[in-house]
Amino acid sequence: MSTQDAQGIPFSISSEFTNFRLLELPDELVKLLSSPAPPVLQLKSEATSASAVLCTESKTFPLRQVHTSNSLFIIEPRSQSSADPEGIPQDGFCAIASCGATLGTSTSAESAIPHIQKLLPLYSSREIQAEAASSVHTTLSSINSDIPLSDGEILEAGTQLCTFEAGGTAFRPTAGILLSLWKAILAASTVENINLGSNFLVEDLWALVKDEDYPRSLFNALLRRIADQGSMQVDSTLEWLSVDKKRCSIWLACVILETETRADQTVSITKLLELWRDHLLEGWRDQADLTLLQDVCKQPNTTTICLKSNWRLGGAPATPAAKPVNKTGKWHERFKKTK
């Protein structure tokens, strides 16, 4: 009867270990990285934080360290010398690193809005812009590296806050200045019979309000916030667009509530509805309906309402929000004459 020697696979441990960190990826990232056009991943962290996140273009995956009680070795193929000086080297494996912990990922539900509110100054007038000109300049592109979230999530939050750049510095506007600018747009479009609900030439609308002394970039930011996204060009340039009726109506109610209250303060529902209707396009006044505000507002009782803190453009301020600037430009005067 023939016999066969039982031979194992030669295994050795290197005298000097290489430093490795193992990263366990979720199926979503594995599919992206194994696709024909894999995305570039970013590793981001706040300057004062010990944690880090992994970002795709539009999603954020927080990293966490997971310890293990088992010995986990990283091995590589390596020829092993035979015990017999005249023997032939055998193919085997050598442990080149030992990992006592791995990095795991989870899905982030964090918003970029609080980060932007912390990094950018509030804008309420040209005077604020002049003051900022003498201080350290922060641009919209520079804050991306300071926020531990994906660029897409930061852009989305910036759109919601109507962030813009003027004089080389990035700002986030107060609810008051946005409401004032909206009133100028509303008056001008009414006088010149521009239908904001249908595609219109942005340059034509800007020509009607530019004398009101608002930065053009603020005007563009407001339009992006309330635009029908399907009406905008693929590259997000503002040439032609239309205003989304529902999107605009909800946004308008939010800025009205913020200009009328401090954080957590309430206003009467009757007053809100009156102001809301007054600031909507005439054909949109039926949009002043509380059912639209279920996600953005709270009703402590049947007669009062307040804005949820995470929907306040200024965060949760300790001082009253800025009131709308009193503008009496020519378009407002001409609009009054038509009423």
C-alpha atoms as a PDB file:
ATOM      1  CA  MET A   1       0.000   0.000   0.000  1.00  0.00           C
ATOM      2  CA  SER A   2       1.505   3.327  -0.980  1.00  0.00           C
ATOM      3  CA  THR A   3       1.770   6.183   1.466  1.00  0.00           C
ATOM      4  CA  GLN A   4       1.980   9.939   0.919  1.00  0.00           C
ATOM      5  CA  ASP A   5       3.761  12.419   3.196  1.00  0.00           C
ATOM      6  CA  ALA A   6       1.376  14.983   4.712  1.00  0.00           C
ATOM      7  CA  GLN A   7       2.865  18.348   3.779  1.00  0.00           C
ATOM      8  CA  GLY A   8       1.614  21.704   5.118  1.00  0.00           C
ATOM      9  CA  ILE A   9       2.061  25.175   3.695  1.00  0.00           C
ATOM     10  CA  PRO A  10       5.191  26.852   5.048  1.00  0.00           C
ATOM     11  CA  PHE A  11       4.325  29.870   7.223  1.00  0.00           C
ATOM     12  CA  SER A  12       6.607  32.416   8.870  1.00  0.00           C
ATOM     13  CA  ILE A  13       6.325  35.706  10.732  1.00  0.00           C
ATOM     14  CA  SER A  14       8.393  38.704   9.684  1.00  0.00           C
ATOM     15  CA  SER A  15      10.770  40.116  12.270  1.00  0.00           C
ATOM     16  CA  GLU A  16       9.610  43.653  11.377  1.00  0.00           C
ATOM     17  CA  PHE A  17       5.925  44.381  10.897  1.00  0.00           C
ATOM     18  CA  THR A  18       4.567  46.871   8.355  1.00  0.00           C
ATOM     19  CA  ASN A  19       1.899  49.331   9.511  1.00  0.00           C
ATOM     20  CA  PHE A  20      -1.537  48.537   8.051  1.00  0.00           C
ATOM     21  CA  ARG A  21      -5.069  49.763   8.763  1.00  0.00           C
ATOM     22  CA  LEU A  22      -7.885  47.566   7.518  1.00  0.00           C
ATOM     23  CA  LEU A  23     -11.013  49.311   6.267  1.00  0.00           C
ATOM     24  CA  GLU A  24     -14.277  47.374   6.019  1.00  0.00           C
ATOM     25  CA  LEU A  25     -16.408  48.923   3.276  1.00  0.00           C
ATOM     26  CA  PRO A  26     -20.205  48.691   2.973  1.00  0.00           C
ATOM     27  CA  ASP A  27     -21.676  47.059  -0.134  1.00  0.00           C
ATOM     28  CA  GLU A  28     -22.631  50.488  -1.501  1.00  0.00           C
ATOM     29  CA  LEU A  29     -19.015  51.664  -1.564  1.00  0.00           C
ATOM     30  CA  VAL A  30     -17.700  48.344  -2.855  1.00  0.00           C
ATOM     31  CA  LYS A  31     -20.059  48.584  -5.847  1.00  0.00           C
ATOM     32  CA  LEU A  32     -18.976  52.164  -6.530  1.00  0.00           C
ATOM     33  CA  LEU A  33     -15.265  51.361  -6.337  1.00  0.00           C
ATOM     34  CA  SER A  34     -15.605  48.282  -8.546  1.00  0.00           C
ATOM     35  CA  SER A  35     -17.636  50.137 -11.194  1.00  0.00           C
ATOM     36  CA  PRO A  36     -16.113  51.029 -14.599  1.00  0.00           C
ATOM     37  CA  ALA A  37     -15.760  54.667 -13.483  1.00  0.00           C
ATOM     38  CA  PRO A  38     -14.975  54.547  -9.751  1.00  0.00           C
ATOM     39  CA  PRO A  39     -15.284  57.846  -7.849  1.00  0.00           C
ATOM     40  CA  VAL A  40     -12.518  59.581  -5.960  1.00  0.00           C
ATOM     41  CA  LEU A  41     -13.024  59.196  -2.210  1.00  0.00           C
ATOM     42  CA  GLN A  42     -12.111  61.941   0.245  1.00  0.00           C
ATOM     43  CA  LEU A  43     -10.922  61.453   3.813  1.00  0.00           C
ATOM     44  CA  LYS A  44     -12.064  64.474   5.846  1.00  0.00           C
ATOM     45  CA  SER A  45     -11.971  65.649   9.437  1.00  0.00           C
ATOM     46  CA  GLU A  46     -12.499  68.825  11.425  1.00  0.00           C
ATOM     47  CA  ALA A  47      -9.289  70.442  12.640  1.00  0.00           C
ATOM     48  CA  THR A  48     -10.264  69.990  16.298  1.00  0.00           C
ATOM     49  CA  SER A  49     -11.766  66.497  15.966  1.00  0.00           C
ATOM     50  CA  ALA A  50     -10.124  63.108  16.452  1.00  0.00           C
ATOM     51  CA  SER A  51     -12.674  61.408  14.194  1.00  0.00           C
ATOM     52  CA  ALA A  52     -12.713  61.190  10.412  1.00  0.00           C
ATOM     53  CA  VAL A  53     -15.181  60.476   7.619  1.00  0.00           C
ATOM     54  CA  LEU A  54     -14.967  58.937   4.173  1.00  0.00           C
ATOM     55  CA  CYS A  55     -16.833  60.881   1.479  1.00  0.00           C
ATOM     56  CA  THR A  56     -18.077  60.213  -2.013  1.00  0.00           C
ATOM     57  CA  GLU A  57     -19.299  63.139  -4.081  1.00  0.00           C
ATOM     58  CA  SER A  58     -22.697  63.140  -2.363  1.00  0.00           C
ATOM     59  CA  LYS A  59     -22.545  60.842   0.691  1.00  0.00           C
ATOM     60  CA  THR A  60     -20.649  60.700   3.963  1.00  0.00           C
ATOM     61  CA  PHE A  61     -19.531  57.576   5.820  1.00  0.00           C
ATOM     62  CA  PRO A  62     -18.210  58.162   9.376  1.00  0.00           C
ATOM     63  CA  LEU A  63     -15.275  55.933  10.319  1.00  0.00           C
ATOM     64  CA  ARG A  64     -15.139  54.063  13.610  1.00  0.00           C
ATOM     65  CA  GLN A  65     -12.470  51.813  15.073  1.00  0.00           C
ATOM     66  CA  VAL A  66     -13.585  48.242  15.802  1.00  0.00           C
ATOM     67  CA  HIS A  67     -11.347  46.217  18.128  1.00  0.00           C
ATOM     68  CA  THR A  68     -11.057  42.444  17.919  1.00  0.00           C
ATOM     69  CA  SER A  69      -9.871  39.884  20.466  1.00  0.00           C
ATOM     70  CA  ASN A  70      -8.554  37.630  17.700  1.00  0.00           C
ATOM     71  CA  SER A  71      -5.146  37.932  16.112  1.00  0.00           C
ATOM     72  CA  LEU A  72      -5.586  39.163  12.558  1.00  0.00           C
ATOM     73  CA  PHE A  73      -2.519  38.874  10.350  1.00  0.00           C
ATOM     74  CA  ILE A  74      -1.757  40.358   6.953  1.00  0.00           C
ATOM     75  CA  ILE A  75       0.141  37.788   4.917  1.00  0.00           C
ATOM     76  CA  GLU A  76       1.904  37.763   1.578  1.00  0.00           C
ATOM     77  CA  PRO A  77       3.258  34.928  -0.583  1.00  0.00           C
ATOM     78  CA  ARG A  78       6.921  34.266   0.085  1.00  0.00           C
ATOM     79  CA  SER A  79       9.362  31.464  -0.741  1.00  0.00           C
ATOM     80  CA  GLN A  80      10.535  29.575   2.340  1.00  0.00           C
ATOM     81  CA  SER A  81      13.975  28.005   2.625  1.00  0.00           C
ATOM     82  CA  SER A  82      14.037  24.248   2.984  1.00  0.00           C
ATOM     83  CA  ALA A  83      15.389  22.667   6.158  1.00  0.00           C
ATOM     84  CA  ASP A  84      17.594  20.628   3.886  1.00  0.00           C
ATOM     85  CA  PRO A  85      20.507  22.822   2.717  1.00  0.00           C
ATOM     86  CA  GLU A  86      20.305  21.124  -0.646  1.00  0.00           C
ATOM     87  CA  GLY A  87      16.511  21.213  -0.767  1.00  0.00           C
ATOM     88  CA  ILE A  88      14.405  23.349  -3.091  1.00  0.00           C
ATOM     89  CA  PRO A  89      12.739  26.484  -1.530  1.00  0.00           C
ATOM     90  CA  GLN A  90       9.016  26.039  -1.058  1.00  0.00           C
ATOM     91  CA  ASP A  91       6.221  28.496  -1.754  1.00  0.00           C
ATOM     92  CA  GLY A  92       4.603  29.676   1.463  1.00  0.00           C
ATOM     93  CA  PHE A  93       3.269  32.685   3.319  1.00  0.00           C
ATOM     94  CA  CYS A  94       4.777  35.259   5.650  1.00  0.00           C
ATOM     95  CA  ALA A  95       2.872  37.446   8.135  1.00  0.00           C
ATOM     96  CA  ILE A  96       3.972  41.043   7.547  1.00  0.00           C
ATOM     97  CA  ALA A  97       1.539  42.843   9.894  1.00  0.00           C
ATOM     98  CA  SER A  98      -0.842  42.226  12.777  1.00  0.00           C
ATOM     99  CA  CYS A  99      -4.052  44.257  13.138  1.00  0.00           C
ATOM    100  CA  GLY A 100      -5.758  44.467  16.502  1.00  0.00           C
ATOM    101  CA  ALA A 101      -8.497  46.725  15.159  1.00  0.00           C
ATOM    102  CA  THR A 102     -10.258  47.519  11.892  1.00  0.00           C
ATOM    103  CA  LEU A 103     -11.984  50.629  10.613  1.00  0.00           C
ATOM    104  CA  GLY A 104     -15.706  50.272   9.983  1.00  0.00           C
ATOM    105  CA  THR A 105     -18.135  52.686   8.334  1.00  0.00           C
ATOM    106  CA  SER A 106     -21.683  53.834   8.951  1.00  0.00           C
ATOM    107  CA  THR A 107     -24.033  56.165   7.075  1.00  0.00           C
ATOM    108  CA  SER A 108     -24.178  59.784   8.231  1.00  0.00           C
ATOM    109  CA  ALA A 109     -27.446  61.629   8.795  1.00  0.00           C
ATOM    110  CA  GLU A 110     -25.668  64.826   9.864  1.00  0.00           C
ATOM    111  CA  SER A 111     -26.536  68.123   8.209  1.00  0.00           C
ATOM    112  CA  ALA A 112     -23.945  70.587   6.935  1.00  0.00           C
ATOM    113  CA  ILE A 113     -26.153  73.530   7.928  1.00  0.00           C
ATOM    114  CA  PRO A 114     -24.827  73.965  11.527  1.00  0.00           C
ATOM    115  CA  HIS A 115     -21.253  73.812  10.219  1.00  0.00           C
ATOM    116  CA  ILE A 116     -21.910  76.531   7.630  1.00  0.00           C
ATOM    117  CA  GLN A 117     -23.707  78.677  10.208  1.00  0.00           C
ATOM    118  CA  LYS A 118     -20.629  78.439  12.424  1.00  0.00           C
ATOM    119  CA  LEU A 119     -18.150  79.269   9.659  1.00  0.00           C
ATOM    120  CA  LEU A 120     -19.877  82.065   7.714  1.00  0.00           C
ATOM    121  CA  PRO A 121     -20.904  85.531   8.941  1.00  0.00           C
ATOM    122  CA  LEU A 122     -24.473  86.770   8.624  1.00  0.00           C
ATOM    123  CA  TYR A 123     -25.210  89.326   5.921  1.00  0.00           C
ATOM    124  CA  SER A 124     -27.895  91.946   6.497  1.00  0.00           C
ATOM    125  CA  SER A 125     -26.630  94.985   4.539  1.00  0.00           C
ATOM    126  CA  ARG A 126     -23.832  96.430   2.409  1.00  0.00           C
ATOM    127  CA  GLU A 127     -22.319  97.794   5.623  1.00  0.00           C
ATOM    128  CA  ILE A 128     -21.757  94.229   6.819  1.00  0.00           C
ATOM    129  CA  GLN A 129     -19.968  93.462   3.551  1.00  0.00           C
ATOM    130  CA  ALA A 130     -17.695  96.487   4.010  1.00  0.00           C
ATOM    131  CA  GLU A 131     -16.811  95.403   7.555  1.00  0.00           C
ATOM    132  CA  ALA A 132     -16.006  91.878   6.377  1.00  0.00           C
ATOM    133  CA  ALA A 133     -13.685  93.249   3.680  1.00  0.00           C
ATOM    134  CA  SER A 134     -11.135  94.169   6.351  1.00  0.00           C
ATOM    135  CA  SER A 135     -11.250  90.776   8.085  1.00  0.00           C
ATOM    136  CA  VAL A 136     -10.120  87.294   7.102  1.00  0.00           C
ATOM    137  CA  HIS A 137     -11.789  86.209   3.856  1.00  0.00           C
ATOM    138  CA  THR A 138     -13.643  82.902   3.799  1.00  0.00           C
ATOM    139  CA  THR A 139     -14.810  81.579   0.446  1.00  0.00           C
ATOM    140  CA  LEU A 140     -17.456  78.973  -0.297  1.00  0.00           C
ATOM    141  CA  SER A 141     -14.847  76.622  -1.766  1.00  0.00           C
ATOM    142  CA  SER A 142     -12.536  76.952   1.246  1.00  0.00           C
ATOM    143  CA  ILE A 143     -15.133  75.853   3.803  1.00  0.00           C
ATOM    144  CA  ASN A 144     -15.484  72.448   2.121  1.00  0.00           C
ATOM    145  CA  SER A 145     -12.230  71.288   3.668  1.00  0.00           C
ATOM    146  CA  ASP A 146     -13.395  72.392   7.136  1.00  0.00           C
ATOM    147  CA  ILE A 147     -16.701  70.498   7.100  1.00  0.00           C
ATOM    148  CA  PRO A 148     -16.562  66.695   7.588  1.00  0.00           C
ATOM    149  CA  LEU A 149     -19.258  65.980   5.019  1.00  0.00           C
ATOM    150  CA  SER A 150     -19.394  65.361   1.274  1.00  0.00           C
ATOM    151  CA  ASP A 151     -19.162  68.274  -1.151  1.00  0.00           C
ATOM    152  CA  GLY A 152     -22.665  67.492  -2.435  1.00  0.00           C
ATOM    153  CA  GLU A 153     -24.189  67.669   1.055  1.00  0.00           C
ATOM    154  CA  ILE A 154     -22.378  70.957   1.722  1.00  0.00           C
ATOM    155  CA  LEU A 155     -23.643  72.393  -1.576  1.00  0.00           C
ATOM    156  CA  GLU A 156     -27.217  71.334  -0.762  1.00  0.00           C
ATOM    157  CA  ALA A 157     -27.021  72.969   2.676  1.00  0.00           C
ATOM    158  CA  GLY A 158     -25.529  76.112   1.158  1.00  0.00           C
ATOM    159  CA  THR A 159     -28.434  76.301  -1.289  1.00  0.00           C
ATOM    160  CA  GLN A 160     -30.916  76.013   1.576  1.00  0.00           C
ATOM    161  CA  LEU A 161     -29.148  78.827   3.466  1.00  0.00           C
ATOM    162  CA  CYS A 162     -28.746  80.951   0.285  1.00  0.00           C
ATOM    163  CA  THR A 163     -24.995  81.294   0.846  1.00  0.00           C
ATOM    164  CA  PHE A 164     -23.195  83.629  -1.554  1.00  0.00           C
ATOM    165  CA  GLU A 165     -19.920  85.474  -2.090  1.00  0.00           C
ATOM    166  CA  ALA A 166     -19.506  89.237  -2.290  1.00  0.00           C
ATOM    167  CA  GLY A 167     -16.254  91.171  -2.252  1.00  0.00           C
ATOM    168  CA  GLY A 168     -14.239  87.958  -1.983  1.00  0.00           C
ATOM    169  CA  THR A 169     -15.989  86.805   1.195  1.00  0.00           C
ATOM    170  CA  ALA A 170     -18.734  84.228   1.675  1.00  0.00           C
ATOM    171  CA  PHE A 171     -21.871  85.073   3.663  1.00  0.00           C
ATOM    172  CA  ARG A 172     -25.176  83.582   4.750  1.00  0.00           C
ATOM    173  CA  PRO A 173     -28.013  86.125   4.525  1.00  0.00           C
ATOM    174  CA  THR A 174     -30.445  86.937   7.307  1.00  0.00           C
ATOM    175  CA  ALA A 175     -34.116  86.150   6.867  1.00  0.00           C
ATOM    176  CA  GLY A 176     -34.763  89.891   6.894  1.00  0.00           C
ATOM    177  CA  ILE A 177     -32.582  90.706   3.893  1.00  0.00           C
ATOM    178  CA  LEU A 178     -34.011  87.748   1.957  1.00  0.00           C
ATOM    179  CA  LEU A 179     -37.570  88.870   2.631  1.00  0.00           C
ATOM    180  CA  SER A 180     -36.671  92.394   1.554  1.00  0.00           C
ATOM    181  CA  LEU A 181     -35.120  91.111  -1.690  1.00  0.00           C
ATOM    182  CA  TRP A 182     -38.131  88.879  -2.359  1.00  0.00           C
ATOM    183  CA  LYS A 183     -40.448  91.885  -1.965  1.00  0.00           C
ATOM    184  CA  ALA A 184     -38.381  93.757  -4.558  1.00  0.00           C
ATOM    185  CA  ILE A 185     -38.571  90.773  -6.941  1.00  0.00           C
ATOM    186  CA  LEU A 186     -42.311  90.431  -6.358  1.00  0.00           C
ATOM    187  CA  ALA A 187     -42.948  94.117  -7.018  1.00  0.00           C
ATOM    188  CA  ALA A 188     -40.784  94.249 -10.148  1.00  0.00           C
ATOM    189  CA  SER A 189     -42.243  91.081 -11.655  1.00  0.00           C
ATOM    190  CA  THR A 190     -45.779  92.343 -11.026  1.00  0.00           C
ATOM    191  CA  VAL A 191     -45.158  95.734 -12.641  1.00  0.00           C
ATOM    192  CA  GLU A 192     -43.417  94.265 -15.692  1.00  0.00           C
ATOM    193  CA  ASN A 193     -45.763  91.267 -15.934  1.00  0.00           C
ATOM    194  CA  ILE A 194     -43.012  88.647 -15.579  1.00  0.00           C
ATOM    195  CA  ASN A 195     -44.569  85.271 -14.777  1.00  0.00           C
ATOM    196  CA  LEU A 196     -42.216  83.779 -12.184  1.00  0.00           C
ATOM    197  CA  GLY A 197     -43.993  80.433 -12.423  1.00  0.00           C
ATOM    198  CA  SER A 198     -42.958  80.027 -16.076  1.00  0.00           C
ATOM    199  CA  ASN A 199     -39.502  80.130 -17.626  1.00  0.00           C
ATOM    200  CA  PHE A 200     -38.187  83.690 -17.611  1.00  0.00           C
ATOM    201  CA  LEU A 201     -34.872  85.311 -18.483  1.00  0.00           C
ATOM    202  CA  VAL A 202     -33.006  85.896 -15.216  1.00  0.00           C
ATOM    203  CA  GLU A 203     -31.094  88.859 -16.632  1.00  0.00           C
ATOM    204  CA  ASP A 204     -34.373  90.670 -17.346  1.00  0.00           C
ATOM    205  CA  LEU A 205     -35.503  90.275 -13.738  1.00  0.00           C
ATOM    206  CA  TRP A 206     -32.117  91.363 -12.392  1.00  0.00           C
ATOM    207  CA  ALA A 207     -32.247  94.532 -14.494  1.00  0.00           C
ATOM    208  CA  LEU A 208     -35.417  95.492 -12.616  1.00  0.00           C
ATOM    209  CA  VAL A 209     -34.011  95.082  -9.086  1.00  0.00           C
ATOM    210  CA  LYS A 210     -30.292  95.851  -9.415  1.00  0.00           C
ATOM    211  CA  ASP A 211     -30.813  99.484  -8.377  1.00  0.00           C
ATOM    212  CA  GLU A 212     -32.046  98.254  -4.979  1.00  0.00           C
ATOM    213  CA  ASP A 213     -28.401  97.723  -3.935  1.00  0.00           C
ATOM    214  CA  TYR A 214     -28.449  93.966  -3.407  1.00  0.00           C
ATOM    215  CA  PRO A 215     -25.395  91.920  -4.462  1.00  0.00           C
ATOM    216  CA  ARG A 216     -26.006  90.044  -7.704  1.00  0.00           C
ATOM    217  CA  SER A 217     -24.696  86.874  -6.069  1.00  0.00           C
ATOM    218  CA  LEU A 218     -27.348  87.161  -3.332  1.00  0.00           C
ATOM    219  CA  PHE A 219     -30.035  87.572  -5.994  1.00  0.00           C
ATOM    220  CA  ASN A 220     -28.763  84.420  -7.724  1.00  0.00           C
ATOM    221  CA  ALA A 221     -28.637  82.487  -4.435  1.00  0.00           C
ATOM    222  CA  LEU A 222     -32.258  83.338  -3.642  1.00  0.00           C
ATOM    223  CA  LEU A 223     -33.419  82.233  -7.096  1.00  0.00           C
ATOM    224  CA  ARG A 224     -31.535  78.928  -6.773  1.00  0.00           C
ATOM    225  CA  ARG A 225     -33.267  78.345  -3.438  1.00  0.00           C
ATOM    226  CA  ILE A 226     -36.790  78.685  -4.838  1.00  0.00           C
ATOM    227  CA  ALA A 227     -36.252  77.548  -8.436  1.00  0.00           C
ATOM    228  CA  ASP A 228     -37.898  74.595 -10.094  1.00  0.00           C
ATOM    229  CA  GLN A 229     -34.802  72.402 -10.317  1.00  0.00           C
ATOM    230  CA  GLY A 230     -35.954  70.945 -13.629  1.00  0.00           C
ATOM    231  CA  SER A 231     -35.949  74.408 -15.194  1.00  0.00           C
ATOM    232  CA  MET A 232     -32.270  75.062 -14.484  1.00  0.00           C
ATOM    233  CA  GLN A 233     -29.434  74.206 -16.847  1.00  0.00           C
ATOM    234  CA  VAL A 234     -27.378  71.080 -16.156  1.00  0.00           C
ATOM    235  CA  ASP A 235     -24.398  73.234 -15.142  1.00  0.00           C
ATOM    236  CA  SER A 236     -26.644  75.238 -12.747  1.00  0.00           C
ATOM    237  CA  THR A 237     -26.007  78.498 -14.589  1.00  0.00           C
ATOM    238  CA  LEU A 238     -28.787  81.007 -14.205  1.00  0.00           C
ATOM    239  CA  GLU A 239     -29.985  82.061 -17.622  1.00  0.00           C
ATOM    240  CA  TRP A 240     -33.552  80.810 -17.774  1.00  0.00           C
ATOM    241  CA  LEU A 241     -35.544  79.334 -14.889  1.00  0.00           C
ATOM    242  CA  SER A 242     -38.964  79.204 -13.282  1.00  0.00           C
ATOM    243  CA  VAL A 243     -39.904  79.429  -9.607  1.00  0.00           C
ATOM    244  CA  ASP A 244     -41.338  76.308  -7.980  1.00  0.00           C
ATOM    245  CA  LYS A 245     -44.660  77.324  -6.417  1.00  0.00           C
ATOM    246  CA  LYS A 246     -44.604  74.907  -3.466  1.00  0.00           C
ATOM    247  CA  ARG A 247     -40.881  75.279  -2.789  1.00  0.00           C
ATOM    248  CA  CYS A 248     -41.168  79.073  -2.847  1.00  0.00           C
ATOM    249  CA  SER A 249     -44.278  79.135  -0.645  1.00  0.00           C
ATOM    250  CA  ILE A 250     -42.704  77.026   2.119  1.00  0.00           C
ATOM    251  CA  TRP A 251     -39.464  79.039   1.993  1.00  0.00           C
ATOM    252  CA  LEU A 252     -41.401  82.304   2.179  1.00  0.00           C
ATOM    253  CA  ALA A 253     -43.355  81.183   5.253  1.00  0.00           C
ATOM    254  CA  CYS A 254     -40.060  80.265   6.939  1.00  0.00           C
ATOM    255  CA  VAL A 255     -38.392  83.639   6.356  1.00  0.00           C
ATOM    256  CA  ILE A 256     -41.536  85.485   7.469  1.00  0.00           C
ATOM    257  CA  LEU A 257     -41.673  83.469  10.701  1.00  0.00           C
ATOM    258  CA  GLU A 258     -37.985  84.067  11.368  1.00  0.00           C
ATOM    259  CA  THR A 259     -38.249  87.830  10.873  1.00  0.00           C
ATOM    260  CA  GLU A 260     -41.240  87.940  13.215  1.00  0.00           C
ATOM    261  CA  THR A 261     -39.840  85.857  16.085  1.00  0.00           C
ATOM    262  CA  ARG A 262     -36.846  84.925  18.137  1.00  0.00           C
ATOM    263  CA  ALA A 263     -35.860  81.282  18.544  1.00  0.00           C
ATOM    264  CA  ASP A 264     -38.770  79.231  19.934  1.00  0.00           C
ATOM    265  CA  GLN A 265     -41.047  82.264  20.060  1.00  0.00           C
ATOM    266  CA  THR A 266     -44.477  81.908  18.516  1.00  0.00           C
ATOM    267  CA  VAL A 267     -46.672  84.124  16.391  1.00  0.00           C
ATOM    268  CA  SER A 268     -50.403  83.930  15.895  1.00  0.00           C
ATOM    269  CA  ILE A 269     -51.502  81.733  13.016  1.00  0.00           C
ATOM    270  CA  THR A 270     -53.822  84.492  11.834  1.00  0.00           C
ATOM    271  CA  LYS A 271     -50.918  86.938  11.554  1.00  0.00           C
ATOM    272  CA  LEU A 272     -48.717  84.436   9.724  1.00  0.00           C
ATOM    273  CA  LEU A 273     -51.408  83.606   7.184  1.00  0.00           C
ATOM    274  CA  GLU A 274     -52.065  87.291   6.545  1.00  0.00           C
ATOM    275  CA  LEU A 275     -48.381  88.104   5.987  1.00  0.00           C
ATOM    276  CA  TRP A 276     -47.860  84.946   3.974  1.00  0.00           C
ATOM    277  CA  ARG A 277     -50.666  85.725   1.530  1.00  0.00           C
ATOM    278  CA  ASP A 278     -49.519  89.340   1.199  1.00  0.00           C
ATOM    279  CA  HIS A 279     -46.045  88.226   0.099  1.00  0.00           C
ATOM    280  CA  LEU A 280     -47.106  85.529  -2.361  1.00  0.00           C
ATOM    281  CA  LEU A 281     -47.789  86.044  -6.038  1.00  0.00           C
ATOM    282  CA  GLU A 282     -51.447  86.882  -6.484  1.00  0.00           C
ATOM    283  CA  GLY A 283     -52.177  83.613  -8.258  1.00  0.00           C
ATOM    284  CA  TRP A 284     -50.385  81.608  -5.556  1.00  0.00           C
ATOM    285  CA  ARG A 285     -52.188  82.888  -2.475  1.00  0.00           C
ATOM    286  CA  ASP A 286     -54.056  79.608  -2.066  1.00  0.00           C
ATOM    287  CA  GLN A 287     -50.649  78.132  -1.162  1.00  0.00           C
ATOM    288  CA  ALA A 288     -50.838  79.843   2.244  1.00  0.00           C
ATOM    289  CA  ASP A 289     -51.939  76.574   3.821  1.00  0.00           C
ATOM    290  CA  LEU A 290     -50.605  75.264   7.152  1.00  0.00           C
ATOM    291  CA  THR A 291     -50.454  71.712   5.823  1.00  0.00           C
ATOM    292  CA  LEU A 292     -47.409  72.784   3.787  1.00  0.00           C
ATOM    293  CA  LEU A 293     -45.536  73.647   6.982  1.00  0.00           C
ATOM    294  CA  GLN A 294     -45.826  70.367   8.881  1.00  0.00           C
ATOM    295  CA  ASP A 295     -42.119  69.547   8.454  1.00  0.00           C
ATOM    296  CA  VAL A 296     -40.769  73.029   9.201  1.00  0.00           C
ATOM    297  CA  CYS A 297     -43.032  74.417  11.936  1.00  0.00           C
ATOM    298  CA  LYS A 298     -44.472  73.540  15.344  1.00  0.00           C
ATOM    299  CA  GLN A 299     -47.906  74.469  16.680  1.00  0.00           C
ATOM    300  CA  PRO A 300     -47.859  74.619  20.510  1.00  0.00           C
ATOM    301  CA  ASN A 301     -51.612  75.190  20.450  1.00  0.00           C
ATOM    302  CA  THR A 302     -54.440  75.846  18.008  1.00  0.00           C
ATOM    303  CA  THR A 303     -53.763  79.584  17.683  1.00  0.00           C
ATOM    304  CA  THR A 304     -49.965  79.956  17.534  1.00  0.00           C
ATOM    305  CA  ILE A 305     -47.098  78.646  15.432  1.00  0.00           C
ATOM    306  CA  CYS A 306     -43.280  78.800  15.427  1.00  0.00           C
ATOM    307  CA  LEU A 307     -40.419  77.788  13.175  1.00  0.00           C
ATOM    308  CA  LYS A 308     -38.410  74.686  14.077  1.00  0.00           C
ATOM    309  CA  SER A 309     -34.910  75.696  15.165  1.00  0.00           C
ATOM    310  CA  ASN A 310     -33.162  73.667  12.456  1.00  0.00           C
ATOM    311  CA  TRP A 311     -35.014  75.694   9.814  1.00  0.00           C
ATOM    312  CA  ARG A 312     -33.845  79.065  11.117  1.00  0.00           C
ATOM    313  CA  LEU A 313     -31.318  80.631   8.755  1.00  0.00           C
ATOM    314  CA  GLY A 314     -29.529  82.244  11.671  1.00  0.00           C
ATOM    315  CA  GLY A 315     -29.537  79.085  13.791  1.00  0.00           C
ATOM    316  CA  ALA A 316     -30.989  79.705  17.233  1.00  0.00           C
ATOM    317  CA  PRO A 317     -30.044  83.355  17.882  1.00  0.00           C
ATOM    318  CA  ALA A 318     -30.073  84.900  21.327  1.00  0.00           C
ATOM    319  CA  THR A 319     -31.059  88.259  19.859  1.00  0.00           C
ATOM    320  CA  PRO A 320     -34.010  89.145  17.629  1.00  0.00           C
ATOM    321  CA  ALA A 321     -33.635  88.311  13.976  1.00  0.00           C
ATOM    322  CA  ALA A 322     -33.045  91.268  11.696  1.00  0.00           C
ATOM    323  CA  LYS A 323     -36.181  92.951  10.396  1.00  0.00           C
ATOM    324  CA  PRO A 324     -36.572  93.520   6.660  1.00  0.00           C
ATOM    325  CA  VAL A 325     -34.771  96.555   5.326  1.00  0.00           C
ATOM    326  CA  ASN A 326     -37.139  99.374   4.404  1.00  0.00           C
ATOM    327  CA  LYS A 327     -36.699  99.861   0.687  1.00  0.00           C
ATOM    328  CA  THR A 328     -38.470 102.594  -1.212  1.00  0.00           C
ATOM    329  CA  GLY A 329     -36.865 102.129  -4.603  1.00  0.00           C
ATOM    330  CA  LYS A 330     -38.564 103.003  -7.832  1.00  0.00           C
ATOM    331  CA  TRP A 331     -40.091  99.556  -8.375  1.00  0.00           C
ATOM    332  CA  HIS A 332     -41.803  99.650  -5.016  1.00  0.00           C
ATOM    333  CA  GLU A 333     -43.145 103.107  -5.732  1.00  0.00           C
ATOM    334  CA  ARG A 334     -44.426 102.108  -9.163  1.00  0.00           C
ATOM    335  CA  PHE A 335     -45.981  98.980  -7.686  1.00  0.00           C
ATOM    336  CA  LYS A 336     -47.874 101.034  -5.094  1.00  0.00           C
ATOM    337  CA  LYS A 337     -49.338 103.187  -7.862  1.00  0.00           C
ATOM    338  CA  THR A 338     -50.788 100.125  -9.560  1.00  0.00           C
ATOM    339  CA  LYS A 339     -52.633  98.912  -6.452  1.00  0.00           C
END
